[in-house]
């Protein structure tokens, strides 16, 4: 019987998934939201009178009068952020509507995560005319790594304190926070080679 040679079939090429980068959406702000729980802590010399009066921009003030002293921490929490879990936190901006009778007082701001005050601070001056004093930026993470759950938690907030021992009356009308977030950059398989 004759032998029939059958040609060999060409090799089967299995396409490989190609990987590419998907750029996240531009960072969009959530807020500003005002703190709903304002308290005074015993860190520092002079307590803030009426800390709850720094909840809203209504010209009713939390105040601290110092005589070559520091203030205690004015802490704001309860911002009630509801950032979706698929968001990436890009930056945090804190604003205090505030003034100081001396003018030019350096007041430090520290972020709070899980009810703990961070060691990292941002500083700005409170002048003798009431103004929005800003801390942080749309790209400032305050030395922390954040998830939406961290921001949405009741223990997320901010602490403000004058720490240089001045003689002045500091007044805070309101504390608010804006969080900048975006859809994160992801690597997704698609297409063929």
C-alpha atoms as a PDB file:
ATOM      1  CA  UNK A   1       0.000   0.000   0.000  1.00  0.00           C
ATOM      2  CA  UNK A   2       1.424   3.380  -0.907  1.00  0.00           C
ATOM      3  CA  UNK A   3       2.299   5.853   1.863  1.00  0.00           C
ATOM      4  CA  UNK A   4       0.464   9.129   1.628  1.00  0.00           C
ATOM      5  CA  UNK A   5       2.237  12.060   3.104  1.00  0.00           C
ATOM      6  CA  UNK A   6      -0.070  14.626   4.617  1.00  0.00           C
ATOM      7  CA  UNK A   7       1.402  18.086   4.961  1.00  0.00           C
ATOM      8  CA  UNK A   8       1.890  19.274   8.457  1.00  0.00           C
ATOM      9  CA  UNK A   9      -0.663  21.908   9.553  1.00  0.00           C
ATOM     10  CA  UNK A  10       0.699  25.372  10.288  1.00  0.00           C
ATOM     11  CA  UNK A  11       1.240  26.115  13.970  1.00  0.00           C
ATOM     12  CA  UNK A  12      -1.696  27.605  15.793  1.00  0.00           C
ATOM     13  CA  UNK A  13      -0.867  31.007  17.150  1.00  0.00           C
ATOM     14  CA  UNK A  14      -2.632  31.830  20.385  1.00  0.00           C
ATOM     15  CA  UNK A  15      -3.040  35.572  20.702  1.00  0.00           C
ATOM     16  CA  UNK A  16      -1.645  37.089  23.862  1.00  0.00           C
ATOM     17  CA  UNK A  17      -3.503  39.734  25.760  1.00  0.00           C
ATOM     18  CA  UNK A  18      -1.995  43.151  25.278  1.00  0.00           C
ATOM     19  CA  UNK A  19      -1.671  45.317  28.384  1.00  0.00           C
ATOM     20  CA  UNK A  20      -2.166  49.036  28.402  1.00  0.00           C
ATOM     21  CA  UNK A  21      -2.667  51.819  30.911  1.00  0.00           C
ATOM     22  CA  UNK A  22      -6.017  53.444  31.437  1.00  0.00           C
ATOM     23  CA  UNK A  23      -5.695  56.949  32.773  1.00  0.00           C
ATOM     24  CA  UNK A  24      -7.948  57.736  35.717  1.00  0.00           C
ATOM     25  CA  UNK A  25     -10.443  60.535  35.576  1.00  0.00           C
ATOM     26  CA  UNK A  26      -9.217  63.969  36.595  1.00  0.00           C
ATOM     27  CA  UNK A  27      -9.367  64.664  40.305  1.00  0.00           C
ATOM     28  CA  UNK A  28     -12.735  66.099  41.332  1.00  0.00           C
ATOM     29  CA  UNK A  29     -13.537  67.687  44.682  1.00  0.00           C
ATOM     30  CA  UNK A  30     -15.983  66.257  47.200  1.00  0.00           C
ATOM     31  CA  UNK A  31     -17.145  68.987  49.523  1.00  0.00           C
ATOM     32  CA  UNK A  32     -16.501  71.295  51.178  1.00  0.00           C
ATOM     33  CA  UNK A  33     -18.207  69.672  54.172  1.00  0.00           C
ATOM     34  CA  UNK A  34     -18.353  71.240  57.606  1.00  0.00           C
ATOM     35  CA  UNK A  35     -17.443  69.336  60.767  1.00  0.00           C
ATOM     36  CA  UNK A  36     -20.459  68.484  62.923  1.00  0.00           C
ATOM     37  CA  UNK A  37     -18.612  67.420  66.086  1.00  0.00           C
ATOM     38  CA  UNK A  38     -16.260  70.054  67.513  1.00  0.00           C
ATOM     39  CA  UNK A  39     -14.400  69.462  70.746  1.00  0.00           C
ATOM     40  CA  UNK A  40     -11.533  70.866  72.762  1.00  0.00           C
ATOM     41  CA  UNK A  41      -8.665  68.668  73.970  1.00  0.00           C
ATOM     42  CA  UNK A  42      -6.340  69.190  76.891  1.00  0.00           C
ATOM     43  CA  UNK A  43      -3.207  69.374  74.710  1.00  0.00           C
ATOM     44  CA  UNK A  44      -1.891  72.940  75.176  1.00  0.00           C
ATOM     45  CA  UNK A  45      -2.499  75.799  77.613  1.00  0.00           C
ATOM     46  CA  UNK A  46      -5.771  77.596  76.876  1.00  0.00           C
ATOM     47  CA  UNK A  47      -9.047  75.843  76.103  1.00  0.00           C
ATOM     48  CA  UNK A  48     -11.269  76.976  73.260  1.00  0.00           C
ATOM     49  CA  UNK A  49     -14.506  78.488  74.572  1.00  0.00           C
ATOM     50  CA  UNK A  50     -17.645  77.232  72.819  1.00  0.00           C
ATOM     51  CA  UNK A  51     -15.914  74.837  70.376  1.00  0.00           C
ATOM     52  CA  UNK A  52     -19.272  73.792  68.871  1.00  0.00           C
ATOM     53  CA  UNK A  53     -19.666  77.344  67.530  1.00  0.00           C
ATOM     54  CA  UNK A  54     -17.085  76.530  64.826  1.00  0.00           C
ATOM     55  CA  UNK A  55     -19.561  74.191  63.070  1.00  0.00           C
ATOM     56  CA  UNK A  56     -21.079  76.618  60.571  1.00  0.00           C
ATOM     57  CA  UNK A  57     -20.187  79.855  58.826  1.00  0.00           C
ATOM     58  CA  UNK A  58     -22.604  81.968  60.873  1.00  0.00           C
ATOM     59  CA  UNK A  59     -20.440  84.599  62.624  1.00  0.00           C
ATOM     60  CA  UNK A  60     -20.706  82.720  65.933  1.00  0.00           C
ATOM     61  CA  UNK A  61     -17.230  81.771  67.107  1.00  0.00           C
ATOM     62  CA  UNK A  62     -15.160  79.335  69.094  1.00  0.00           C
ATOM     63  CA  UNK A  63     -12.530  81.529  70.794  1.00  0.00           C
ATOM     64  CA  UNK A  64      -9.298  81.179  72.736  1.00  0.00           C
ATOM     65  CA  UNK A  65      -7.573  84.088  74.502  1.00  0.00           C
ATOM     66  CA  UNK A  66      -3.892  83.546  75.204  1.00  0.00           C
ATOM     67  CA  UNK A  67      -1.356  85.540  77.222  1.00  0.00           C
ATOM     68  CA  UNK A  68       2.035  84.264  76.078  1.00  0.00           C
ATOM     69  CA  UNK A  69       0.370  80.848  75.904  1.00  0.00           C
ATOM     70  CA  UNK A  70      -0.590  78.232  73.362  1.00  0.00           C
ATOM     71  CA  UNK A  71      -4.119  77.129  72.616  1.00  0.00           C
ATOM     72  CA  UNK A  72      -5.444  73.659  73.136  1.00  0.00           C
ATOM     73  CA  UNK A  73      -6.510  71.598  70.123  1.00  0.00           C
ATOM     74  CA  UNK A  74      -9.795  72.547  68.485  1.00  0.00           C
ATOM     75  CA  UNK A  75     -10.830  69.260  66.880  1.00  0.00           C
ATOM     76  CA  UNK A  76     -13.456  68.859  64.156  1.00  0.00           C
ATOM     77  CA  UNK A  77     -14.853  65.465  63.098  1.00  0.00           C
ATOM     78  CA  UNK A  78     -18.186  64.147  61.807  1.00  0.00           C
ATOM     79  CA  UNK A  79     -17.784  65.447  58.259  1.00  0.00           C
ATOM     80  CA  UNK A  80     -20.073  62.731  56.833  1.00  0.00           C
ATOM     81  CA  UNK A  81     -18.158  62.133  53.605  1.00  0.00           C
ATOM     82  CA  UNK A  82     -19.599  59.356  51.441  1.00  0.00           C
ATOM     83  CA  UNK A  83     -16.867  58.778  48.881  1.00  0.00           C
ATOM     84  CA  UNK A  84     -17.449  55.649  46.728  1.00  0.00           C
ATOM     85  CA  UNK A  85     -15.103  52.738  47.379  1.00  0.00           C
ATOM     86  CA  UNK A  86     -13.703  52.786  43.820  1.00  0.00           C
ATOM     87  CA  UNK A  87     -12.185  56.252  44.263  1.00  0.00           C
ATOM     88  CA  UNK A  88      -8.532  57.112  44.804  1.00  0.00           C
ATOM     89  CA  UNK A  89      -7.844  59.874  47.344  1.00  0.00           C
ATOM     90  CA  UNK A  90      -5.619  62.518  45.727  1.00  0.00           C
ATOM     91  CA  UNK A  91      -5.526  65.374  48.226  1.00  0.00           C
ATOM     92  CA  UNK A  92      -7.177  67.090  51.189  1.00  0.00           C
ATOM     93  CA  UNK A  93      -7.815  70.805  51.725  1.00  0.00           C
ATOM     94  CA  UNK A  94      -8.793  72.149  55.145  1.00  0.00           C
ATOM     95  CA  UNK A  95     -10.217  75.659  55.485  1.00  0.00           C
ATOM     96  CA  UNK A  96     -10.746  77.597  58.696  1.00  0.00           C
ATOM     97  CA  UNK A  97     -12.856  80.729  58.617  1.00  0.00           C
ATOM     98  CA  UNK A  98     -10.853  82.496  61.282  1.00  0.00           C
ATOM     99  CA  UNK A  99      -9.082  85.566  62.652  1.00  0.00           C
ATOM    100  CA  UNK A 100      -6.719  86.685  65.421  1.00  0.00           C
ATOM    101  CA  UNK A 101      -6.649  90.042  67.209  1.00  0.00           C
ATOM    102  CA  UNK A 102      -2.862  90.136  66.918  1.00  0.00           C
ATOM    103  CA  UNK A 103      -2.808  89.270  63.218  1.00  0.00           C
ATOM    104  CA  UNK A 104      -0.148  87.129  61.610  1.00  0.00           C
ATOM    105  CA  UNK A 105      -0.525  84.336  64.189  1.00  0.00           C
ATOM    106  CA  UNK A 106       0.827  81.021  62.959  1.00  0.00           C
ATOM    107  CA  UNK A 107      -1.786  78.342  63.559  1.00  0.00           C
ATOM    108  CA  UNK A 108      -0.978  74.709  62.867  1.00  0.00           C
ATOM    109  CA  UNK A 109      -3.413  72.246  61.376  1.00  0.00           C
ATOM    110  CA  UNK A 110      -3.111  68.469  61.720  1.00  0.00           C
ATOM    111  CA  UNK A 111      -5.218  65.859  59.972  1.00  0.00           C
ATOM    112  CA  UNK A 112      -6.994  63.156  61.994  1.00  0.00           C
ATOM    113  CA  UNK A 113      -7.200  59.547  60.842  1.00  0.00           C
ATOM    114  CA  UNK A 114      -9.141  56.961  62.874  1.00  0.00           C
ATOM    115  CA  UNK A 115      -9.550  59.580  65.642  1.00  0.00           C
ATOM    116  CA  UNK A 116      -5.764  59.980  65.972  1.00  0.00           C
ATOM    117  CA  UNK A 117      -4.124  63.370  65.426  1.00  0.00           C
ATOM    118  CA  UNK A 118      -1.264  63.096  62.928  1.00  0.00           C
ATOM    119  CA  UNK A 119       2.212  64.323  63.799  1.00  0.00           C
ATOM    120  CA  UNK A 120       2.376  65.922  60.329  1.00  0.00           C
ATOM    121  CA  UNK A 121       1.215  69.537  60.359  1.00  0.00           C
ATOM    122  CA  UNK A 122       0.527  72.328  57.905  1.00  0.00           C
ATOM    123  CA  UNK A 123       0.810  75.969  58.966  1.00  0.00           C
ATOM    124  CA  UNK A 124      -0.765  79.229  57.934  1.00  0.00           C
ATOM    125  CA  UNK A 125      -1.410  82.617  59.526  1.00  0.00           C
ATOM    126  CA  UNK A 126      -4.622  83.969  60.977  1.00  0.00           C
ATOM    127  CA  UNK A 127      -4.905  87.702  60.357  1.00  0.00           C
ATOM    128  CA  UNK A 128      -6.894  90.345  62.256  1.00  0.00           C
ATOM    129  CA  UNK A 129      -9.577  90.349  59.544  1.00  0.00           C
ATOM    130  CA  UNK A 130     -11.682  87.192  59.269  1.00  0.00           C
ATOM    131  CA  UNK A 131     -10.813  85.118  56.201  1.00  0.00           C
ATOM    132  CA  UNK A 132     -10.763  81.559  54.863  1.00  0.00           C
ATOM    133  CA  UNK A 133      -7.367  80.189  55.875  1.00  0.00           C
ATOM    134  CA  UNK A 134      -6.382  77.202  53.740  1.00  0.00           C
ATOM    135  CA  UNK A 135      -4.209  74.207  54.617  1.00  0.00           C
ATOM    136  CA  UNK A 136      -3.123  71.426  52.240  1.00  0.00           C
ATOM    137  CA  UNK A 137      -3.928  71.159  48.539  1.00  0.00           C
ATOM    138  CA  UNK A 138      -5.648  69.023  45.922  1.00  0.00           C
ATOM    139  CA  UNK A 139      -2.504  66.844  45.808  1.00  0.00           C
ATOM    140  CA  UNK A 140      -1.516  66.906  49.507  1.00  0.00           C
ATOM    141  CA  UNK A 141      -2.128  63.614  51.350  1.00  0.00           C
ATOM    142  CA  UNK A 142      -0.721  64.988  54.635  1.00  0.00           C
ATOM    143  CA  UNK A 143       1.873  62.221  54.914  1.00  0.00           C
ATOM    144  CA  UNK A 144      -0.789  59.501  55.040  1.00  0.00           C
ATOM    145  CA  UNK A 145      -2.145  56.746  52.811  1.00  0.00           C
ATOM    146  CA  UNK A 146      -5.919  57.065  52.422  1.00  0.00           C
ATOM    147  CA  UNK A 147      -8.829  54.888  51.379  1.00  0.00           C
ATOM    148  CA  UNK A 148     -12.406  56.120  50.950  1.00  0.00           C
ATOM    149  CA  UNK A 149     -13.273  54.217  54.145  1.00  0.00           C
ATOM    150  CA  UNK A 150     -10.698  56.291  56.073  1.00  0.00           C
ATOM    151  CA  UNK A 151     -12.282  59.530  54.854  1.00  0.00           C
ATOM    152  CA  UNK A 152     -15.868  58.327  55.394  1.00  0.00           C
ATOM    153  CA  UNK A 153     -15.148  57.220  58.983  1.00  0.00           C
ATOM    154  CA  UNK A 154     -16.431  59.285  61.905  1.00  0.00           C
ATOM    155  CA  UNK A 155     -12.859  59.585  63.220  1.00  0.00           C
ATOM    156  CA  UNK A 156     -11.664  61.503  60.144  1.00  0.00           C
ATOM    157  CA  UNK A 157     -11.141  65.170  60.819  1.00  0.00           C
ATOM    158  CA  UNK A 158      -8.754  67.931  61.712  1.00  0.00           C
ATOM    159  CA  UNK A 159      -7.149  69.641  64.694  1.00  0.00           C
ATOM    160  CA  UNK A 160      -6.080  73.315  64.796  1.00  0.00           C
ATOM    161  CA  UNK A 161      -3.817  74.841  67.409  1.00  0.00           C
ATOM    162  CA  UNK A 162      -1.693  77.937  67.971  1.00  0.00           C
ATOM    163  CA  UNK A 163       1.546  76.533  69.379  1.00  0.00           C
ATOM    164  CA  UNK A 164       3.902  79.530  69.620  1.00  0.00           C
ATOM    165  CA  UNK A 165       2.805  81.162  72.890  1.00  0.00           C
ATOM    166  CA  UNK A 166       1.366  84.496  71.709  1.00  0.00           C
ATOM    167  CA  UNK A 167      -0.923  87.033  73.347  1.00  0.00           C
ATOM    168  CA  UNK A 168      -4.099  87.253  71.287  1.00  0.00           C
ATOM    169  CA  UNK A 169      -7.707  86.200  70.966  1.00  0.00           C
ATOM    170  CA  UNK A 170      -8.191  83.653  68.203  1.00  0.00           C
ATOM    171  CA  UNK A 171     -11.659  83.201  66.726  1.00  0.00           C
ATOM    172  CA  UNK A 172     -12.834  80.325  64.537  1.00  0.00           C
ATOM    173  CA  UNK A 173     -16.193  80.637  62.811  1.00  0.00           C
ATOM    174  CA  UNK A 174     -16.129  77.364  60.838  1.00  0.00           C
ATOM    175  CA  UNK A 175     -13.919  74.451  59.805  1.00  0.00           C
ATOM    176  CA  UNK A 176     -14.520  72.651  56.526  1.00  0.00           C
ATOM    177  CA  UNK A 177     -12.756  70.011  54.437  1.00  0.00           C
ATOM    178  CA  UNK A 178     -12.686  69.295  50.713  1.00  0.00           C
ATOM    179  CA  UNK A 179     -11.362  65.926  49.524  1.00  0.00           C
ATOM    180  CA  UNK A 180     -10.053  65.501  45.983  1.00  0.00           C
ATOM    181  CA  UNK A 181     -10.468  62.036  44.486  1.00  0.00           C
ATOM    182  CA  UNK A 182     -10.468  60.273  41.136  1.00  0.00           C
ATOM    183  CA  UNK A 183     -10.961  56.917  39.468  1.00  0.00           C
ATOM    184  CA  UNK A 184      -7.583  55.227  39.972  1.00  0.00           C
ATOM    185  CA  UNK A 185      -5.218  54.405  37.133  1.00  0.00           C
ATOM    186  CA  UNK A 186      -5.511  50.683  36.377  1.00  0.00           C
ATOM    187  CA  UNK A 187      -3.794  48.199  34.077  1.00  0.00           C
ATOM    188  CA  UNK A 188      -6.333  46.250  32.033  1.00  0.00           C
ATOM    189  CA  UNK A 189      -5.787  43.422  29.508  1.00  0.00           C
ATOM    190  CA  UNK A 190      -7.376  43.959  26.114  1.00  0.00           C
ATOM    191  CA  UNK A 191      -6.900  43.257  22.422  1.00  0.00           C
ATOM    192  CA  UNK A 192      -4.519  40.804  20.802  1.00  0.00           C
ATOM    193  CA  UNK A 193      -1.009  40.880  19.391  1.00  0.00           C
END
